[in-house]
N, C-alpha and C. Protein backbone atom coordinates (compact mmCIF):
# COMPACT_ATOMS: atom_id res chain seq x y z
N MET A 1 5.19 -5.78 -6.88
CA MET A 1 5.13 -6.90 -5.97
C MET A 1 4.07 -6.61 -4.92
N ILE A 2 3.33 -7.63 -4.61
CA ILE A 2 2.23 -7.52 -3.65
C ILE A 2 2.37 -8.64 -2.62
N ARG A 3 2.19 -8.26 -1.35
CA ARG A 3 2.16 -9.29 -0.30
C ARG A 3 0.72 -9.43 0.17
N PRO A 4 0.10 -10.58 -0.09
CA PRO A 4 -1.27 -10.78 0.37
C PRO A 4 -1.36 -10.74 1.90
N ALA A 5 -2.55 -10.48 2.39
CA ALA A 5 -2.78 -10.38 3.83
C ALA A 5 -2.34 -11.64 4.56
N ASN A 6 -1.66 -11.43 5.66
CA ASN A 6 -1.27 -12.52 6.56
C ASN A 6 -0.39 -13.57 5.88
N GLN A 7 0.42 -13.14 4.92
CA GLN A 7 1.33 -14.04 4.22
C GLN A 7 2.75 -13.50 4.35
N PRO A 8 3.73 -14.36 4.55
CA PRO A 8 5.10 -13.88 4.72
C PRO A 8 5.79 -13.51 3.41
N ASP A 9 5.32 -14.08 2.28
CA ASP A 9 6.01 -13.88 1.02
C ASP A 9 5.19 -13.05 0.04
N ALA A 10 5.90 -12.36 -0.85
CA ALA A 10 5.27 -11.52 -1.85
C ALA A 10 4.96 -12.31 -3.11
N LEU A 11 3.96 -11.81 -3.86
CA LEU A 11 3.66 -12.33 -5.18
C LEU A 11 4.38 -11.44 -6.19
N SER A 12 5.05 -12.05 -7.13
CA SER A 12 5.71 -11.30 -8.19
C SER A 12 5.10 -11.74 -9.51
N ARG A 13 4.47 -10.82 -10.23
CA ARG A 13 3.81 -11.14 -11.50
C ARG A 13 4.38 -10.26 -12.59
N VAL A 14 4.42 -10.75 -13.81
CA VAL A 14 4.97 -9.98 -14.91
C VAL A 14 3.91 -9.55 -15.93
N GLU A 15 2.66 -9.97 -15.76
CA GLU A 15 1.59 -9.56 -16.66
C GLU A 15 1.29 -8.07 -16.51
N MET A 16 0.53 -7.56 -17.47
CA MET A 16 0.05 -6.18 -17.39
C MET A 16 -1.24 -6.16 -16.57
N PHE A 17 -1.31 -5.26 -15.60
CA PHE A 17 -2.48 -5.11 -14.75
C PHE A 17 -2.93 -3.66 -14.75
N GLU A 18 -4.16 -3.47 -14.35
CA GLU A 18 -4.69 -2.12 -14.13
C GLU A 18 -4.88 -1.94 -12.63
N ILE A 19 -4.46 -0.78 -12.12
CA ILE A 19 -4.71 -0.45 -10.71
C ILE A 19 -6.18 -0.08 -10.59
N VAL A 20 -6.93 -0.82 -9.77
CA VAL A 20 -8.34 -0.50 -9.57
C VAL A 20 -8.58 0.15 -8.21
N SER A 21 -7.59 0.07 -7.33
CA SER A 21 -7.71 0.73 -6.03
C SER A 21 -6.31 0.83 -5.41
N LEU A 22 -6.05 1.95 -4.77
CA LEU A 22 -4.80 2.14 -4.02
C LEU A 22 -5.11 3.06 -2.85
N VAL A 23 -4.99 2.54 -1.64
CA VAL A 23 -5.28 3.33 -0.45
C VAL A 23 -4.22 3.06 0.61
N GLY A 24 -4.04 4.02 1.48
CA GLY A 24 -3.10 3.82 2.57
C GLY A 24 -2.59 5.14 3.11
N THR A 25 -1.48 5.07 3.79
CA THR A 25 -0.91 6.27 4.39
C THR A 25 0.57 6.38 4.05
N LEU A 26 1.02 7.64 4.00
CA LEU A 26 2.43 7.97 3.83
C LEU A 26 2.84 8.79 5.03
N SER A 27 3.97 8.48 5.62
CA SER A 27 4.46 9.26 6.75
C SER A 27 5.98 9.25 6.71
N PRO A 28 6.61 10.15 7.45
CA PRO A 28 8.08 10.13 7.50
C PRO A 28 8.64 8.80 8.01
N ASP A 29 7.82 8.06 8.76
CA ASP A 29 8.27 6.78 9.33
C ASP A 29 8.03 5.61 8.39
N GLY A 30 7.45 5.85 7.23
CA GLY A 30 7.19 4.77 6.28
C GLY A 30 5.79 4.83 5.71
N SER A 31 5.59 4.06 4.67
CA SER A 31 4.27 4.02 4.04
C SER A 31 3.62 2.67 4.31
N HIS A 32 2.31 2.66 4.15
CA HIS A 32 1.53 1.42 4.29
C HIS A 32 0.43 1.52 3.26
N LEU A 33 0.61 0.86 2.12
CA LEU A 33 -0.32 0.98 1.00
C LEU A 33 -0.92 -0.37 0.65
N HIS A 34 -2.23 -0.36 0.42
CA HIS A 34 -2.95 -1.54 -0.05
C HIS A 34 -3.34 -1.28 -1.50
N ILE A 35 -3.13 -2.28 -2.35
CA ILE A 35 -3.44 -2.13 -3.77
C ILE A 35 -4.29 -3.28 -4.24
N SER A 36 -5.20 -2.98 -5.17
CA SER A 36 -5.96 -4.00 -5.90
C SER A 36 -5.67 -3.78 -7.37
N ILE A 37 -5.35 -4.87 -8.07
CA ILE A 37 -5.07 -4.79 -9.50
C ILE A 37 -5.88 -5.86 -10.21
N SER A 38 -6.24 -5.58 -11.48
CA SER A 38 -6.98 -6.58 -12.24
C SER A 38 -6.30 -6.83 -13.57
N ASP A 39 -6.45 -8.06 -14.07
CA ASP A 39 -5.85 -8.44 -15.34
C ASP A 39 -6.83 -8.17 -16.48
N ASN A 40 -6.48 -8.60 -17.69
CA ASN A 40 -7.30 -8.32 -18.86
C ASN A 40 -8.64 -9.07 -18.87
N LEU A 41 -8.82 -10.01 -17.97
CA LEU A 41 -10.09 -10.72 -17.83
C LEU A 41 -10.92 -10.21 -16.66
N GLY A 42 -10.36 -9.24 -15.91
CA GLY A 42 -11.06 -8.70 -14.75
C GLY A 42 -10.78 -9.43 -13.46
N ASN A 43 -9.92 -10.44 -13.50
CA ASN A 43 -9.54 -11.13 -12.27
C ASN A 43 -8.74 -10.17 -11.42
N THR A 44 -9.09 -10.07 -10.17
CA THR A 44 -8.49 -9.07 -9.29
C THR A 44 -7.76 -9.73 -8.13
N ILE A 45 -6.59 -9.17 -7.83
CA ILE A 45 -5.84 -9.59 -6.65
C ILE A 45 -5.44 -8.33 -5.90
N GLY A 46 -5.13 -8.51 -4.64
CA GLY A 46 -4.75 -7.34 -3.86
C GLY A 46 -3.92 -7.72 -2.66
N GLY A 47 -3.36 -6.71 -2.04
CA GLY A 47 -2.56 -6.89 -0.85
C GLY A 47 -1.73 -5.66 -0.57
N HIS A 48 -0.65 -5.85 0.15
CA HIS A 48 0.25 -4.74 0.48
C HIS A 48 1.17 -4.46 -0.70
N LEU A 49 1.22 -3.21 -1.14
CA LEU A 49 2.12 -2.82 -2.24
C LEU A 49 3.54 -2.76 -1.70
N LEU A 50 4.45 -3.42 -2.40
CA LEU A 50 5.84 -3.48 -1.98
C LEU A 50 6.74 -2.75 -2.98
N GLU A 51 7.93 -2.41 -2.53
CA GLU A 51 8.92 -1.81 -3.41
C GLU A 51 9.22 -2.76 -4.55
N GLY A 52 9.55 -2.19 -5.70
CA GLY A 52 9.91 -3.00 -6.85
C GLY A 52 8.80 -3.13 -7.87
N SER A 53 7.63 -2.59 -7.58
CA SER A 53 6.53 -2.64 -8.54
C SER A 53 6.78 -1.61 -9.64
N ILE A 54 6.49 -1.99 -10.88
CA ILE A 54 6.76 -1.12 -12.02
C ILE A 54 5.45 -0.74 -12.70
N ILE A 55 5.31 0.54 -13.01
CA ILE A 55 4.15 1.02 -13.76
C ILE A 55 4.57 1.10 -15.22
N HIS A 56 3.84 0.39 -16.10
CA HIS A 56 4.23 0.33 -17.51
C HIS A 56 3.64 1.44 -18.36
N THR A 57 2.52 2.02 -17.97
CA THR A 57 1.95 3.11 -18.75
C THR A 57 1.79 4.33 -17.84
N THR A 58 0.64 4.50 -17.27
CA THR A 58 0.42 5.63 -16.36
C THR A 58 -0.33 5.15 -15.12
N ALA A 59 -0.23 5.93 -14.07
CA ALA A 59 -1.01 5.71 -12.86
C ALA A 59 -1.51 7.08 -12.41
N GLU A 60 -2.80 7.23 -12.33
CA GLU A 60 -3.38 8.49 -11.85
C GLU A 60 -3.55 8.37 -10.35
N ILE A 61 -2.70 9.07 -9.61
CA ILE A 61 -2.69 8.97 -8.15
C ILE A 61 -2.94 10.35 -7.57
N VAL A 62 -3.92 10.45 -6.69
CA VAL A 62 -4.23 11.69 -6.00
C VAL A 62 -3.87 11.51 -4.53
N ILE A 63 -3.07 12.41 -4.01
CA ILE A 63 -2.66 12.34 -2.60
C ILE A 63 -3.32 13.48 -1.85
N GLY A 64 -4.04 13.14 -0.79
CA GLY A 64 -4.66 14.15 0.05
C GLY A 64 -3.78 14.41 1.27
N GLU A 65 -3.77 15.64 1.73
CA GLU A 65 -2.96 16.01 2.88
C GLU A 65 -3.85 16.50 4.01
N ALA A 66 -3.59 16.03 5.20
CA ALA A 66 -4.34 16.45 6.40
C ALA A 66 -3.38 17.26 7.27
N ASN A 67 -3.30 18.56 7.00
CA ASN A 67 -2.34 19.41 7.69
C ASN A 67 -2.55 19.50 9.19
N HIS A 68 -3.75 19.26 9.65
CA HIS A 68 -4.04 19.36 11.08
C HIS A 68 -3.70 18.07 11.84
N LEU A 69 -3.26 17.04 11.11
CA LEU A 69 -2.94 15.76 11.75
C LEU A 69 -1.49 15.38 11.50
N LYS A 70 -0.94 14.61 12.43
CA LYS A 70 0.41 14.06 12.28
C LYS A 70 0.28 12.55 12.17
N PHE A 71 0.86 11.99 11.12
CA PHE A 71 0.86 10.55 10.91
C PHE A 71 2.25 10.01 11.23
N SER A 72 2.31 9.01 12.07
CA SER A 72 3.59 8.40 12.40
C SER A 72 3.36 6.90 12.58
N ARG A 73 4.45 6.17 12.69
CA ARG A 73 4.36 4.73 12.92
C ARG A 73 5.16 4.39 14.16
N GLU A 74 4.53 3.64 15.05
CA GLU A 74 5.17 3.23 16.29
C GLU A 74 5.02 1.72 16.46
N THR A 75 6.04 1.08 16.96
CA THR A 75 6.00 -0.36 17.15
C THR A 75 4.99 -0.73 18.24
N ASP A 76 4.06 -1.58 17.88
CA ASP A 76 3.06 -2.05 18.83
C ASP A 76 3.71 -3.15 19.68
N PRO A 77 3.61 -3.06 21.01
CA PRO A 77 4.27 -4.06 21.86
C PRO A 77 3.68 -5.46 21.73
N VAL A 78 2.43 -5.57 21.31
CA VAL A 78 1.79 -6.88 21.20
C VAL A 78 2.07 -7.51 19.83
N THR A 79 1.80 -6.75 18.75
CA THR A 79 1.96 -7.32 17.41
C THR A 79 3.40 -7.23 16.90
N THR A 80 4.16 -6.32 17.44
CA THR A 80 5.53 -5.97 17.03
C THR A 80 5.58 -5.31 15.65
N TYR A 81 4.41 -4.97 15.08
CA TYR A 81 4.38 -4.25 13.81
C TYR A 81 4.43 -2.75 14.07
N LYS A 82 4.96 -2.01 13.10
CA LYS A 82 4.91 -0.56 13.18
C LYS A 82 3.51 -0.12 12.78
N GLU A 83 2.72 0.25 13.76
CA GLU A 83 1.31 0.60 13.52
C GLU A 83 1.15 2.11 13.37
N LEU A 84 0.11 2.49 12.64
CA LEU A 84 -0.19 3.89 12.39
C LEU A 84 -0.66 4.57 13.67
N LYS A 85 -0.10 5.75 13.94
CA LYS A 85 -0.56 6.59 15.04
C LYS A 85 -0.92 7.94 14.44
N ILE A 86 -2.12 8.40 14.72
CA ILE A 86 -2.59 9.69 14.24
C ILE A 86 -2.79 10.59 15.44
N SER A 87 -2.17 11.77 15.40
CA SER A 87 -2.31 12.72 16.50
C SER A 87 -2.45 14.13 15.94
N PRO A 88 -3.01 15.04 16.73
CA PRO A 88 -3.13 16.42 16.24
C PRO A 88 -1.75 17.08 16.14
N ARG A 89 -1.61 17.99 15.23
CA ARG A 89 -0.35 18.76 15.11
C ARG A 89 -0.33 19.86 16.13
């Protein structure tokens, strides 16, 4: 399931897609991942990756770790979203 930018609802698709990009952050306070997927014709859609997405074959995912940094999420008083905060360890 993918939630497009600035949209309240998720897209749920049952076709087979290929992951063409996956970027974001993982922290103890939650993850924030953006994904782009393409269909068998090369049509591409993207947005926020949500729970409930299923991988039907394989996904090659490389996770990098920045040991000198601490990633956390704090509620922004203006947007009310849990925004990424990066600080030194």
